[in-house]
């Protein structure tokens, strides 16, 4: 198997694992924590002193990190689905 095929296979496996992970209790916990962190940081940002650049920057970064946690999992699922489709196409071509 070629390197490119191995990379597709690895990406497909990771996507399938990530998709399965989204059904787990741990994912639900992380999702709830992420959403709570975003909500808390957003509330703090709304009431923060607009002139406090350091505090505002920290709060915006907190939101980005909390959102990023879930986005990375979704990206792995999407990349895996694309890889599965590409592998299926290759299989029908052979």
N, C-alpha and C. Protein backbone atom coordinates (compact mmCIF):
# COMPACT_ATOMS: atom_id res chain seq x y z
N UNK A 1 0.85 -1.17 0.00
CA UNK A 1 0.00 0.00 0.00
C UNK A 1 0.90 1.24 0.00
N UNK A 2 0.54 2.22 -0.81
CA UNK A 2 1.32 3.44 -0.93
C UNK A 2 1.13 4.34 0.29
N UNK A 3 2.07 5.28 0.44
CA UNK A 3 2.02 6.23 1.56
C UNK A 3 0.71 7.02 1.57
N UNK A 4 0.30 7.50 0.40
CA UNK A 4 -0.93 8.30 0.32
C UNK A 4 -2.14 7.47 0.74
N UNK A 5 -2.15 6.20 0.34
CA UNK A 5 -3.25 5.32 0.74
C UNK A 5 -3.24 5.07 2.24
N UNK A 6 -2.06 4.91 2.81
CA UNK A 6 -1.95 4.72 4.27
C UNK A 6 -2.44 5.95 5.01
N UNK A 7 -2.11 7.14 4.49
CA UNK A 7 -2.57 8.37 5.13
C UNK A 7 -4.09 8.48 5.07
N UNK A 8 -4.66 8.11 3.91
CA UNK A 8 -6.12 8.12 3.80
C UNK A 8 -6.74 7.13 4.78
N UNK A 9 -6.16 5.96 4.87
CA UNK A 9 -6.67 4.94 5.79
C UNK A 9 -6.57 5.41 7.24
N UNK A 10 -5.45 6.01 7.60
CA UNK A 10 -5.28 6.55 8.96
C UNK A 10 -6.31 7.64 9.25
N UNK A 11 -6.52 8.53 8.27
CA UNK A 11 -7.49 9.61 8.44
C UNK A 11 -8.91 9.05 8.57
N UNK A 12 -9.21 8.04 7.77
CA UNK A 12 -10.53 7.41 7.84
C UNK A 12 -10.74 6.77 9.21
N UNK A 13 -9.74 6.06 9.70
CA UNK A 13 -9.84 5.42 11.02
C UNK A 13 -10.05 6.46 12.12
N UNK A 14 -9.26 7.53 12.05
CA UNK A 14 -9.38 8.58 13.07
C UNK A 14 -10.77 9.21 13.02
N UNK A 15 -11.28 9.44 11.82
CA UNK A 15 -12.61 10.01 11.68
C UNK A 15 -13.68 9.12 12.27
N UNK A 16 -13.56 7.82 12.03
CA UNK A 16 -14.52 6.87 12.57
C UNK A 16 -14.44 6.84 14.10
N UNK A 17 -13.22 6.86 14.63
CA UNK A 17 -13.04 6.88 16.09
C UNK A 17 -13.60 8.16 16.69
N UNK A 18 -13.34 9.30 16.02
CA UNK A 18 -13.84 10.58 16.52
C UNK A 18 -15.36 10.61 16.50
N UNK A 19 -15.95 10.06 15.43
CA UNK A 19 -17.41 10.01 15.34
C UNK A 19 -17.99 9.14 16.44
N UNK A 20 -17.36 8.01 16.71
CA UNK A 20 -17.80 7.14 17.80
C UNK A 20 -17.65 7.84 19.15
N UNK A 21 -16.56 8.58 19.30
CA UNK A 21 -16.29 9.32 20.53
C UNK A 21 -17.41 10.31 20.83
N UNK A 22 -18.01 10.88 19.76
CA UNK A 22 -19.07 11.85 19.97
C UNK A 22 -20.31 11.25 20.62
N UNK A 23 -20.39 9.92 20.69
CA UNK A 23 -21.51 9.25 21.36
C UNK A 23 -21.19 8.90 22.81
N UNK A 24 -19.99 9.21 23.24
CA UNK A 24 -19.55 8.79 24.58
C UNK A 24 -19.94 9.79 25.67
N UNK A 25 -19.93 9.30 26.88
CA UNK A 25 -20.20 10.15 28.04
C UNK A 25 -19.09 11.19 28.21
N UNK A 26 -17.87 10.82 27.90
CA UNK A 26 -16.75 11.77 28.01
C UNK A 26 -16.94 12.93 27.05
N UNK A 27 -17.37 12.65 25.82
CA UNK A 27 -17.62 13.73 24.86
C UNK A 27 -18.73 14.65 25.36
N UNK A 28 -19.81 14.06 25.86
CA UNK A 28 -20.92 14.87 26.37
C UNK A 28 -20.44 15.76 27.52
N UNK A 29 -19.58 15.21 28.37
CA UNK A 29 -19.01 16.00 29.47
C UNK A 29 -18.16 17.15 28.92
N UNK A 30 -17.27 16.84 27.98
CA UNK A 30 -16.41 17.87 27.41
C UNK A 30 -17.22 18.94 26.68
N UNK A 31 -18.27 18.51 26.00
CA UNK A 31 -19.12 19.46 25.28
C UNK A 31 -19.82 20.39 26.27
N UNK A 32 -20.35 19.82 27.33
CA UNK A 32 -21.04 20.63 28.34
C UNK A 32 -20.07 21.61 29.00
N UNK A 33 -18.87 21.12 29.32
CA UNK A 33 -17.86 22.00 29.93
C UNK A 33 -17.44 23.10 28.97
N UNK A 34 -17.26 22.76 27.72
CA UNK A 34 -16.86 23.73 26.71
C UNK A 34 -17.93 24.82 26.57
N UNK A 35 -19.18 24.40 26.50
CA UNK A 35 -20.26 25.37 26.37
C UNK A 35 -20.37 26.25 27.61
N UNK A 36 -20.19 25.65 28.78
CA UNK A 36 -20.23 26.43 30.02
C UNK A 36 -19.09 27.44 30.07
N UNK A 37 -17.90 27.00 29.66
CA UNK A 37 -16.74 27.90 29.63
C UNK A 37 -17.00 29.07 28.68
N UNK A 38 -17.56 28.78 27.51
CA UNK A 38 -17.88 29.83 26.55
C UNK A 38 -18.90 30.80 27.13
N UNK A 39 -19.95 30.26 27.73
CA UNK A 39 -20.99 31.11 28.32
C UNK A 39 -20.43 31.99 29.43
N UNK A 40 -19.62 31.40 30.30
CA UNK A 40 -19.03 32.16 31.40
C UNK A 40 -18.11 33.26 30.89
N UNK A 41 -17.28 32.92 29.92
CA UNK A 41 -16.34 33.90 29.37
C UNK A 41 -17.09 35.00 28.63
N UNK A 42 -18.14 34.65 27.93
CA UNK A 42 -18.93 35.64 27.20
C UNK A 42 -19.62 36.60 28.17
N UNK A 43 -20.19 36.06 29.24
CA UNK A 43 -20.81 36.91 30.26
C UNK A 43 -19.78 37.86 30.88
N UNK A 44 -18.60 37.33 31.17
CA UNK A 44 -17.53 38.16 31.74
C UNK A 44 -17.08 39.21 30.74
N UNK A 45 -17.02 38.85 29.47
CA UNK A 45 -16.59 39.79 28.43
C UNK A 45 -17.60 40.92 28.27
N UNK A 46 -18.87 40.58 28.35
CA UNK A 46 -19.92 41.59 28.23
C UNK A 46 -19.83 42.61 29.35
N UNK A 47 -19.52 42.16 30.55
CA UNK A 47 -19.47 43.07 31.70
C UNK A 47 -18.07 43.62 31.98
N UNK A 48 -17.08 43.21 31.19
CA UNK A 48 -15.71 43.67 31.43
C UNK A 48 -15.54 45.13 31.01
N UNK A 49 -14.58 45.77 31.63
CA UNK A 49 -14.22 47.14 31.28
C UNK A 49 -13.65 47.14 29.86
N UNK A 50 -14.25 47.87 28.94
CA UNK A 50 -13.77 47.88 27.56
C UNK A 50 -12.32 48.36 27.43
N UNK A 51 -11.87 49.13 28.39
CA UNK A 51 -10.51 49.63 28.36
C UNK A 51 -9.47 48.64 28.86
N UNK A 52 -9.92 47.56 29.47
CA UNK A 52 -9.00 46.55 30.00
C UNK A 52 -8.66 45.54 28.89
N UNK A 53 -7.70 45.93 28.09
CA UNK A 53 -7.33 45.13 26.92
C UNK A 53 -6.85 43.74 27.32
N UNK A 54 -6.07 43.67 28.38
CA UNK A 54 -5.53 42.37 28.81
C UNK A 54 -6.65 41.41 29.22
N UNK A 55 -7.60 41.88 30.00
CA UNK A 55 -8.71 41.03 30.44
C UNK A 55 -9.59 40.62 29.26
N UNK A 56 -9.87 41.58 28.37
CA UNK A 56 -10.70 41.28 27.20
C UNK A 56 -10.02 40.27 26.28
N UNK A 57 -8.73 40.41 26.10
CA UNK A 57 -7.98 39.47 25.26
C UNK A 57 -8.01 38.08 25.87
N UNK A 58 -7.81 38.00 27.20
CA UNK A 58 -7.83 36.70 27.87
C UNK A 58 -9.20 36.03 27.73
N UNK A 59 -10.26 36.79 27.90
CA UNK A 59 -11.60 36.23 27.80
C UNK A 59 -11.89 35.75 26.37
N UNK A 60 -11.49 36.52 25.38
CA UNK A 60 -11.68 36.09 23.98
C UNK A 60 -10.88 34.82 23.70
N UNK A 61 -9.68 34.74 24.24
CA UNK A 61 -8.87 33.53 24.06
C UNK A 61 -9.50 32.33 24.76
N UNK A 62 -10.08 32.55 25.94
CA UNK A 62 -10.77 31.47 26.65
C UNK A 62 -11.91 30.91 25.80
N UNK A 63 -12.64 31.80 25.15
CA UNK A 63 -13.75 31.37 24.28
C UNK A 63 -13.21 30.56 23.10
N UNK A 64 -12.14 31.05 22.48
CA UNK A 64 -11.56 30.34 21.33
C UNK A 64 -11.06 28.95 21.71
N UNK A 65 -10.44 28.83 22.86
CA UNK A 65 -9.94 27.52 23.29
C UNK A 65 -11.11 26.56 23.54
N UNK A 66 -12.14 27.03 24.22
CA UNK A 66 -13.29 26.17 24.51
C UNK A 66 -13.99 25.74 23.23
N UNK A 67 -14.13 26.65 22.28
CA UNK A 67 -14.74 26.29 20.99
C UNK A 67 -13.84 25.37 20.18
N UNK A 68 -12.54 25.59 20.29
CA UNK A 68 -11.58 24.79 19.52
C UNK A 68 -11.60 23.33 19.88
N UNK A 69 -11.83 23.03 21.13
CA UNK A 69 -11.89 21.65 21.60
C UNK A 69 -12.89 20.85 20.78
N UNK A 70 -14.07 21.37 20.61
CA UNK A 70 -15.12 20.67 19.86
C UNK A 70 -14.86 20.73 18.36
N UNK A 71 -14.32 21.84 17.90
CA UNK A 71 -14.06 22.00 16.46
C UNK A 71 -13.04 20.97 15.98
N UNK A 72 -12.04 20.68 16.78
CA UNK A 72 -11.02 19.71 16.36
C UNK A 72 -11.64 18.33 16.18
N UNK A 73 -12.54 17.97 17.05
CA UNK A 73 -13.20 16.67 16.92
C UNK A 73 -14.06 16.64 15.66
N UNK A 74 -14.81 17.72 15.42
CA UNK A 74 -15.63 17.79 14.22
C UNK A 74 -14.78 17.76 12.95
N UNK A 75 -13.62 18.42 12.99
CA UNK A 75 -12.71 18.40 11.84
C UNK A 75 -12.19 17.00 11.57
N UNK A 76 -11.89 16.26 12.62
CA UNK A 76 -11.42 14.88 12.46
C UNK A 76 -12.50 14.01 11.84
N UNK A 77 -13.75 14.21 12.26
CA UNK A 77 -14.87 13.45 11.70
C UNK A 77 -15.03 13.78 10.21
N UNK A 78 -14.99 15.07 9.88
CA UNK A 78 -15.15 15.50 8.49
C UNK A 78 -14.01 14.99 7.61
N UNK A 79 -12.78 15.11 8.09
CA UNK A 79 -11.63 14.62 7.32
C UNK A 79 -11.72 13.11 7.13
N UNK A 80 -12.17 12.42 8.14
CA UNK A 80 -12.33 10.97 8.04
C UNK A 80 -13.38 10.58 7.01
N UNK A 81 -14.48 11.33 6.97
CA UNK A 81 -15.54 11.04 5.99
C UNK A 81 -15.03 11.26 4.57
N UNK A 82 -14.25 12.31 4.38
CA UNK A 82 -13.65 12.57 3.07
C UNK A 82 -12.71 11.45 2.69
N UNK A 83 -11.90 11.01 3.63
CA UNK A 83 -10.95 9.92 3.38
C UNK A 83 -11.68 8.63 3.02
N UNK A 84 -12.77 8.34 3.72
CA UNK A 84 -13.56 7.14 3.42
C UNK A 84 -14.09 7.22 1.99
N UNK A 85 -14.62 8.38 1.62
CA UNK A 85 -15.13 8.56 0.26
C UNK A 85 -14.02 8.35 -0.78
N UNK A 86 -12.85 8.91 -0.51
CA UNK A 86 -11.73 8.76 -1.45
C UNK A 86 -11.29 7.30 -1.55
N UNK A 87 -11.26 6.61 -0.44
CA UNK A 87 -10.90 5.19 -0.46
C UNK A 87 -11.92 4.37 -1.24
N UNK A 88 -13.19 4.70 -1.08
CA UNK A 88 -14.24 3.99 -1.82
C UNK A 88 -14.11 4.25 -3.33
N UNK A 89 -13.80 5.49 -3.69
CA UNK A 89 -13.60 5.82 -5.10
C UNK A 89 -12.44 5.03 -5.68
N UNK A 90 -11.36 4.95 -4.92
CA UNK A 90 -10.19 4.19 -5.39
C UNK A 90 -10.54 2.72 -5.55
N UNK A 91 -11.35 2.22 -4.64
CA UNK A 91 -11.73 0.80 -4.68
C UNK A 91 -12.56 0.50 -5.92
N UNK A 92 -13.46 1.41 -6.29
CA UNK A 92 -14.29 1.18 -7.48
C UNK A 92 -13.49 1.35 -8.76
N UNK A 93 -12.42 2.15 -8.72
CA UNK A 93 -11.57 2.33 -9.89
C UNK A 93 -10.70 1.12 -10.15
N UNK A 94 -10.37 0.40 -9.09
CA UNK A 94 -9.47 -0.77 -9.23
C UNK A 94 -10.19 -1.95 -9.70
